[in-house]
PDB file of N, CA and C in Angstrom:
ATOM      1  N   MET A   1     -26.429 -22.442   9.270  1.00  0.00           N
ATOM      2  CA  MET A   1     -25.478 -22.098   8.230  1.00  0.00           C
ATOM      3  C   MET A   1     -25.771 -20.713   7.668  1.00  0.00           C
ATOM      4  N   LEU A   2     -27.028 -20.461   7.348  1.00  0.00           N
ATOM      5  CA  LEU A   2     -27.420 -19.160   6.804  1.00  0.00           C
ATOM      6  C   LEU A   2     -27.201 -18.061   7.836  1.00  0.00           C
ATOM      7  N   LYS A   3     -27.436 -18.385   9.096  1.00  0.00           N
ATOM      8  CA  LYS A   3     -27.244 -17.413  10.173  1.00  0.00           C
ATOM      9  C   LYS A   3     -25.770 -16.994  10.264  1.00  0.00           C
ATOM     10  N   ALA A   4     -24.857 -17.933  10.103  1.00  0.00           N
ATOM     11  CA  ALA A   4     -23.426 -17.643  10.150  1.00  0.00           C
ATOM     12  C   ALA A   4     -23.005 -16.765   8.974  1.00  0.00           C
ATOM     13  N   ILE A   5     -23.567 -17.011   7.800  1.00  0.00           N
ATOM     14  CA  ILE A   5     -23.245 -16.204   6.617  1.00  0.00           C
ATOM     15  C   ILE A   5     -23.743 -14.774   6.809  1.00  0.00           C
ATOM     16  N   ILE A   6     -24.941 -14.623   7.323  1.00  0.00           N
ATOM     17  CA  ILE A   6     -25.497 -13.289   7.543  1.00  0.00           C
ATOM     18  C   ILE A   6     -24.661 -12.528   8.568  1.00  0.00           C
ATOM     19  N   ILE A   7     -24.272 -13.183   9.646  1.00  0.00           N
ATOM     20  CA  ILE A   7     -23.437 -12.543  10.664  1.00  0.00           C
ATOM     21  C   ILE A   7     -22.092 -12.137  10.066  1.00  0.00           C
ATOM     22  N   SER A   8     -21.508 -12.990   9.237  1.00  0.00           N
ATOM     23  CA  SER A   8     -20.225 -12.682   8.598  1.00  0.00           C
ATOM     24  C   SER A   8     -20.337 -11.470   7.687  1.00  0.00           C
ATOM     25  N   VAL A   9     -21.386 -11.420   6.895  1.00  0.00           N
ATOM     26  CA  VAL A   9     -21.581 -10.293   5.975  1.00  0.00           C
ATOM     27  C   VAL A   9     -21.771  -8.998   6.759  1.00  0.00           C
ATOM     28  N   VAL A  10     -22.535  -9.043   7.828  1.00  0.00           N
ATOM     29  CA  VAL A  10     -22.754  -7.852   8.658  1.00  0.00           C
ATOM     30  C   VAL A  10     -21.442  -7.394   9.289  1.00  0.00           C
ATOM     31  N   LEU A  11     -20.657  -8.312   9.820  1.00  0.00           N
ATOM     32  CA  LEU A  11     -19.378  -7.949  10.431  1.00  0.00           C
ATOM     33  C   LEU A  11     -18.407  -7.369   9.407  1.00  0.00           C
ATOM     34  N   LEU A  12     -18.374  -7.945   8.219  1.00  0.00           N
ATOM     35  CA  LEU A  12     -17.527  -7.391   7.159  1.00  0.00           C
ATOM     36  C   LEU A  12     -17.979  -5.987   6.779  1.00  0.00           C
ATOM     37  N   GLY A  13     -19.270  -5.775   6.697  1.00  0.00           N
ATOM     38  CA  GLY A  13     -19.806  -4.451   6.383  1.00  0.00           C
ATOM     39  C   GLY A  13     -19.434  -3.426   7.435  1.00  0.00           C
ATOM     40  N   VAL A  14     -19.535  -3.809   8.704  1.00  0.00           N
ATOM     41  CA  VAL A  14     -19.152  -2.901   9.793  1.00  0.00           C
ATOM     42  C   VAL A  14     -17.654  -2.600   9.721  1.00  0.00           C
ATOM     43  N   GLY A  15     -16.856  -3.586   9.413  1.00  0.00           N
ATOM     44  CA  GLY A  15     -15.409  -3.384   9.305  1.00  0.00           C
ATOM     45  C   GLY A  15     -15.036  -2.443   8.170  1.00  0.00           C
ATOM     46  N   VAL A  16     -15.640  -2.631   7.019  1.00  0.00           N
ATOM     47  CA  VAL A  16     -15.376  -1.754   5.870  1.00  0.00           C
ATOM     48  C   VAL A  16     -15.842  -0.336   6.178  1.00  0.00           C
ATOM     49  N   ALA A  17     -17.014  -0.197   6.772  1.00  0.00           N
ATOM     50  CA  ALA A  17     -17.511   1.132   7.134  1.00  0.00           C
ATOM     51  C   ALA A  17     -16.577   1.790   8.154  1.00  0.00           C
ATOM     52  N   GLY A  18     -16.060   1.017   9.087  1.00  0.00           N
ATOM     53  CA  GLY A  18     -15.132   1.560  10.071  1.00  0.00           C
ATOM     54  C   GLY A  18     -13.847   2.071   9.444  1.00  0.00           C
ATOM     55  N   MET A  19     -13.345   1.367   8.429  1.00  0.00           N
ATOM     56  CA  MET A  19     -12.136   1.816   7.749  1.00  0.00           C
ATOM     57  C   MET A  19     -12.385   3.057   6.904  1.00  0.00           C
ATOM     58  N   CYS A  20     -13.611   3.257   6.482  1.00  0.00           N
ATOM     59  CA  CYS A  20     -13.942   4.372   5.598  1.00  0.00           C
ATOM     60  C   CYS A  20     -14.465   5.599   6.338  1.00  0.00           C
ATOM     61  N   VAL A  21     -14.473   5.584   7.665  1.00  0.00           N
ATOM     62  CA  VAL A  21     -15.018   6.706   8.424  1.00  0.00           C
ATOM     63  C   VAL A  21     -14.317   8.004   8.052  1.00  0.00           C
ATOM     64  N   ARG A  22     -13.015   7.959   7.933  1.00  0.00           N
ATOM     65  CA  ARG A  22     -12.266   9.173   7.608  1.00  0.00           C
ATOM     66  C   ARG A  22     -12.643   9.703   6.228  1.00  0.00           C
ATOM     67  N   ILE A  23     -12.817   8.821   5.289  1.00  0.00           N
ATOM     68  CA  ILE A  23     -13.173   9.247   3.937  1.00  0.00           C
ATOM     69  C   ILE A  23     -14.598   9.789   3.901  1.00  0.00           C
ATOM     70  N   ILE A  24     -15.494   9.132   4.601  1.00  0.00           N
ATOM     71  CA  ILE A  24     -16.897   9.544   4.590  1.00  0.00           C
ATOM     72  C   ILE A  24     -17.082  10.852   5.355  1.00  0.00           C
ATOM     73  N   ALA A  25     -16.423  11.005   6.495  1.00  0.00           N
ATOM     74  CA  ALA A  25     -16.627  12.162   7.359  1.00  0.00           C
ATOM     75  C   ALA A  25     -15.942  13.423   6.843  1.00  0.00           C
ATOM     76  N   LYS A  26     -14.856  13.278   6.114  1.00  0.00           N
ATOM     77  CA  LYS A  26     -14.076  14.419   5.667  1.00  0.00           C
ATOM     78  C   LYS A  26     -14.408  14.769   4.219  1.00  0.00           C
ATOM     79  N   LYS A  27     -14.533  16.047   3.940  1.00  0.00           N
ATOM     80  CA  LYS A  27     -14.756  16.465   2.563  1.00  0.00           C
ATOM     81  C   LYS A  27     -13.467  16.221   1.774  1.00  0.00           C
ATOM     82  N   ASN A  28     -13.578  15.597   0.633  1.00  0.00           N
ATOM     83  CA  ASN A  28     -12.433  15.209  -0.202  1.00  0.00           C
ATOM     84  C   ASN A  28     -11.448  14.324   0.555  1.00  0.00           C
ATOM     85  N   GLY A  29     -11.951  13.485   1.434  1.00  0.00           N
ATOM     86  CA  GLY A  29     -11.100  12.584   2.211  1.00  0.00           C
ATOM     87  C   GLY A  29     -10.517  11.475   1.347  1.00  0.00           C
ATOM     88  N   THR A  30      -9.317  11.050   1.678  1.00  0.00           N
ATOM     89  CA  THR A  30      -8.659   9.964   0.956  1.00  0.00           C
ATOM     90  C   THR A  30      -7.927   9.069   1.951  1.00  0.00           C
ATOM     91  N   PHE A  31      -7.568   7.866   1.517  1.00  0.00           N
ATOM     92  CA  PHE A  31      -6.730   6.999   2.320  1.00  0.00           C
ATOM     93  C   PHE A  31      -5.308   7.549   2.302  1.00  0.00           C
ATOM     94  N   ARG A  32      -4.588   7.358   3.389  1.00  0.00           N
ATOM     95  CA  ARG A  32      -3.188   7.753   3.414  1.00  0.00           C
ATOM     96  C   ARG A  32      -2.402   6.829   2.501  1.00  0.00           C
ATOM     97  N   SER A  33      -1.337   7.365   1.933  1.00  0.00           N
ATOM     98  CA  SER A  33      -0.485   6.569   1.061  1.00  0.00           C
ATOM     99  C   SER A  33       0.221   5.498   1.871  1.00  0.00           C
ATOM    100  N   GLN A  34       0.230   4.282   1.380  1.00  0.00           N
ATOM    101  CA  GLN A  34       0.900   3.175   2.044  1.00  0.00           C
ATOM    102  C   GLN A  34       2.262   2.888   1.426  1.00  0.00           C
ATOM    103  N   ASP A  35       2.682   3.726   0.478  1.00  0.00           N
ATOM    104  CA  ASP A  35       3.951   3.542  -0.203  1.00  0.00           C
ATOM    105  C   ASP A  35       5.100   3.947   0.713  1.00  0.00           C
ATOM    106  N   ILE A  36       6.127   3.144   0.791  1.00  0.00           N
ATOM    107  CA  ILE A  36       7.271   3.424   1.658  1.00  0.00           C
ATOM    108  C   ILE A  36       7.966   4.706   1.226  1.00  0.00           C
ATOM    109  N   GLY A  37       8.046   4.939  -0.060  1.00  0.00           N
ATOM    110  CA  GLY A  37       8.712   6.135  -0.565  1.00  0.00           C
ATOM    111  C   GLY A  37       8.008   7.426  -0.181  1.00  0.00           C
ATOM    112  N   GLN A  38       6.746   7.358   0.196  1.00  0.00           N
ATOM    113  CA  GLN A  38       5.986   8.540   0.583  1.00  0.00           C
ATOM    114  C   GLN A  38       6.096   8.847   2.074  1.00  0.00           C
ATOM    115  N   SER A  39       6.630   7.934   2.855  1.00  0.00           N
ATOM    116  CA  SER A  39       6.702   8.083   4.305  1.00  0.00           C
ATOM    117  C   SER A  39       7.902   8.945   4.704  1.00  0.00           C
ATOM    118  N   LYS A  40       7.628  10.021   5.438  1.00  0.00           N
ATOM    119  CA  LYS A  40       8.689  10.932   5.867  1.00  0.00           C
ATOM    120  C   LYS A  40       9.683  10.226   6.789  1.00  0.00           C
ATOM    121  N   ALA A  41       9.179   9.413   7.711  1.00  0.00           N
ATOM    122  CA  ALA A  41      10.056   8.706   8.653  1.00  0.00           C
ATOM    123  C   ALA A  41      10.993   7.747   7.920  1.00  0.00           C
ATOM    124  N   MET A  42      10.492   7.066   6.903  1.00  0.00           N
ATOM    125  CA  MET A  42      11.337   6.128   6.149  1.00  0.00           C
ATOM    126  C   MET A  42      12.373   6.876   5.317  1.00  0.00           C
ATOM    127  N   ARG A  43      11.997   8.010   4.750  1.00  0.00           N
ATOM    128  CA  ARG A  43      12.962   8.796   3.980  1.00  0.00           C
ATOM    129  C   ARG A  43      14.084   9.306   4.873  1.00  0.00           C
ATOM    130  N   GLU A  44      13.745   9.703   6.118  1.00  0.00           N
ATOM    131  CA  GLU A  44      14.765  10.166   7.054  1.00  0.00           C
ATOM    132  C   GLU A  44      15.750   9.055   7.395  1.00  0.00           C
ATOM    133  N   ARG A  45      15.290   7.811   7.377  1.00  0.00           N
ATOM    134  CA  ARG A  45      16.162   6.659   7.658  1.00  0.00           C
ATOM    135  C   ARG A  45      16.909   6.183   6.416  1.00  0.00           C
ATOM    136  N   GLY A  46      16.624   6.791   5.268  1.00  0.00           N
ATOM    137  CA  GLY A  46      17.300   6.408   4.036  1.00  0.00           C
ATOM    138  C   GLY A  46      16.667   5.221   3.336  1.00  0.00           C
ATOM    139  N   VAL A  47      15.439   4.873   3.721  1.00  0.00           N
ATOM    140  CA  VAL A  47      14.737   3.755   3.099  1.00  0.00           C
ATOM    141  C   VAL A  47      13.797   4.320   2.044  1.00  0.00           C
ATOM    142  N   GLY A  48      13.879   3.792   0.846  1.00  0.00           N
ATOM    143  CA  GLY A  48      13.029   4.264  -0.240  1.00  0.00           C
ATOM    144  C   GLY A  48      12.185   3.153  -0.804  1.00  0.00           C
ATOM    145  N   CYS A  49      11.585   3.430  -1.913  1.00  0.00           N
ATOM    146  CA  CYS A  49      10.762   2.461  -2.625  1.00  0.00           C
ATOM    147  C   CYS A  49      11.635   1.277  -3.053  1.00  0.00           C
ATOM    148  N   THR A  50      11.109   0.081  -2.928  1.00  0.00           N
ATOM    149  CA  THR A  50      11.904  -1.100  -3.279  1.00  0.00           C
ATOM    150  C   THR A  50      12.294  -1.105  -4.748  1.00  0.00           C
ATOM    151  N   ARG A  51      11.418  -0.623  -5.592  1.00  0.00           N
ATOM    152  CA  ARG A  51      11.766  -0.559  -7.022  1.00  0.00           C
ATOM    153  C   ARG A  51      12.933   0.381  -7.260  1.00  0.00           C
ATOM    154  N   SER A  52      12.903   1.543  -6.601  1.00  0.00           N
ATOM    155  CA  SER A  52      13.992   2.511  -6.760  1.00  0.00           C
ATOM    156  C   SER A  52      15.293   1.963  -6.205  1.00  0.00           C
ATOM    157  N   GLN A  53      15.225   1.325  -5.039  1.00  0.00           N
ATOM    158  CA  GLN A  53      16.435   0.767  -4.452  1.00  0.00           C
ATOM    159  C   GLN A  53      17.000  -0.357  -5.308  1.00  0.00           C
ATOM    160  N   ASP A  54      16.141  -1.177  -5.886  1.00  0.00           N
ATOM    161  CA  ASP A  54      16.601  -2.258  -6.751  1.00  0.00           C
ATOM    162  C   ASP A  54      17.244  -1.683  -8.006  1.00  0.00           C
ATOM    163  N   ARG A  55      16.637  -0.654  -8.562  1.00  0.00           N
ATOM    164  CA  ARG A  55      17.178  -0.022  -9.763  1.00  0.00           C
ATOM    165  C   ARG A  55      18.565   0.554  -9.477  1.00  0.00           C
ATOM    166  N   GLN A  56      18.732   1.193  -8.318  1.00  0.00           N
ATOM    167  CA  GLN A  56      20.027   1.753  -7.946  1.00  0.00           C
ATOM    168  C   GLN A  56      21.061   0.651  -7.733  1.00  0.00           C
ATOM    169  N   ALA A  57      20.662  -0.454  -7.136  1.00  0.00           N
ATOM    170  CA  ALA A  57      21.585  -1.559  -6.885  1.00  0.00           C
ATOM    171  C   ALA A  57      22.020  -2.227  -8.182  1.00  0.00           C
ATOM    172  N   GLN A  58      21.171  -2.228  -9.200  1.00  0.00           N
ATOM    173  CA  GLN A  58      21.487  -2.888 -10.463  1.00  0.00           C
ATOM    174  C   GLN A  58      22.358  -2.035 -11.379  1.00  0.00           C
ATOM    175  N   ARG A  59      22.450  -0.735 -11.098  1.00  0.00           N
ATOM    176  CA  ARG A  59      23.289   0.126 -11.944  1.00  0.00           C
ATOM    177  C   ARG A  59      24.734  -0.334 -11.866  1.00  0.00           C
ATOM    178  N   GLY A  60      25.364  -0.454 -13.005  1.00  0.00           N
ATOM    179  CA  GLY A  60      26.763  -0.850 -13.051  1.00  0.00           C
ATOM    180  C   GLY A  60      26.996  -2.336 -12.896  1.00  0.00           C
ATOM    181  N   ASN A  61      25.949  -3.123 -12.777  1.00  0.00           N
ATOM    182  CA  ASN A  61      26.087  -4.563 -12.628  1.00  0.00           C
ATOM    183  C   ASN A  61      26.070  -5.184 -14.024  1.00  0.00           C
ATOM    184  N   PRO A  62      27.150  -5.797 -14.473  1.00  0.00           N
ATOM    185  CA  PRO A  62      27.187  -6.356 -15.834  1.00  0.00           C
ATOM    186  C   PRO A  62      26.270  -7.577 -16.000  1.00  0.00           C
ATOM    187  N   LEU A  63      25.846  -8.194 -14.926  1.00  0.00           N
ATOM    188  CA  LEU A  63      24.996  -9.384 -15.016  1.00  0.00           C
ATOM    189  C   LEU A  63      23.519  -9.072 -14.818  1.00  0.00           C
ATOM    190  N   ARG A  64      23.151  -7.810 -14.794  1.00  0.00           N
ATOM    191  CA  ARG A  64      21.757  -7.451 -14.514  1.00  0.00           C
ATOM    192  C   ARG A  64      20.837  -7.844 -15.652  1.00  0.00           C
ATOM    193  N   LEU A  65      19.579  -8.029 -15.306  1.00  0.00           N
ATOM    194  CA  LEU A  65      18.551  -8.306 -16.311  1.00  0.00           C
ATOM    195  C   LEU A  65      18.025  -6.991 -16.830  1.00  0.00           C
ATOM    196  N   ASN A  66      17.829  -6.903 -18.115  1.00  0.00           N
ATOM    197  CA  ASN A  66      17.220  -5.718 -18.698  1.00  0.00           C
ATOM    198  C   ASN A  66      15.722  -5.972 -18.801  1.00  0.00           C
ATOM    199  N   VAL A  67      14.959  -5.460 -17.844  1.00  0.00           N
ATOM    200  CA  VAL A  67      13.524  -5.737 -17.796  1.00  0.00           C
ATOM    201  C   VAL A  67      12.764  -5.046 -18.899  1.00  0.00           C
ATOM    202  N   ASP A  68      13.351  -4.031 -19.530  1.00  0.00           N
ATOM    203  CA  ASP A  68      12.679  -3.357 -20.635  1.00  0.00           C
ATOM    204  C   ASP A  68      12.561  -4.270 -21.859  1.00  0.00           C
ATOM    205  N   GLU A  69      13.481  -5.231 -21.983  1.00  0.00           N
ATOM    206  CA  GLU A  69      13.471  -6.133 -23.126  1.00  0.00           C
ATOM    207  C   GLU A  69      12.552  -7.324 -22.919  1.00  0.00           C
ATOM    208  N   LEU A  70      12.116  -7.582 -21.677  1.00  0.00           N
ATOM    209  CA  LEU A  70      11.263  -8.754 -21.394  1.00  0.00           C
ATOM    210  C   LEU A  70       9.873  -8.536 -21.843  1.00  0.00           C
TER     211      LEU A  70
END
């Protein structure tokens, strides 16, 4: 049981280190943005942030919820 836990912790550590190679190796390295609104390919297709798209869809809707009041 203890052997399995140790192996799991080591594998998780290797996985985290593998994901951070770019950050560790590069000066001032950062993770790439995972936001849809930041993706050039998605913007070219007309796909934006879900919050922005929802806000645009709710404009002019008389039955919309006013989330500022909640």
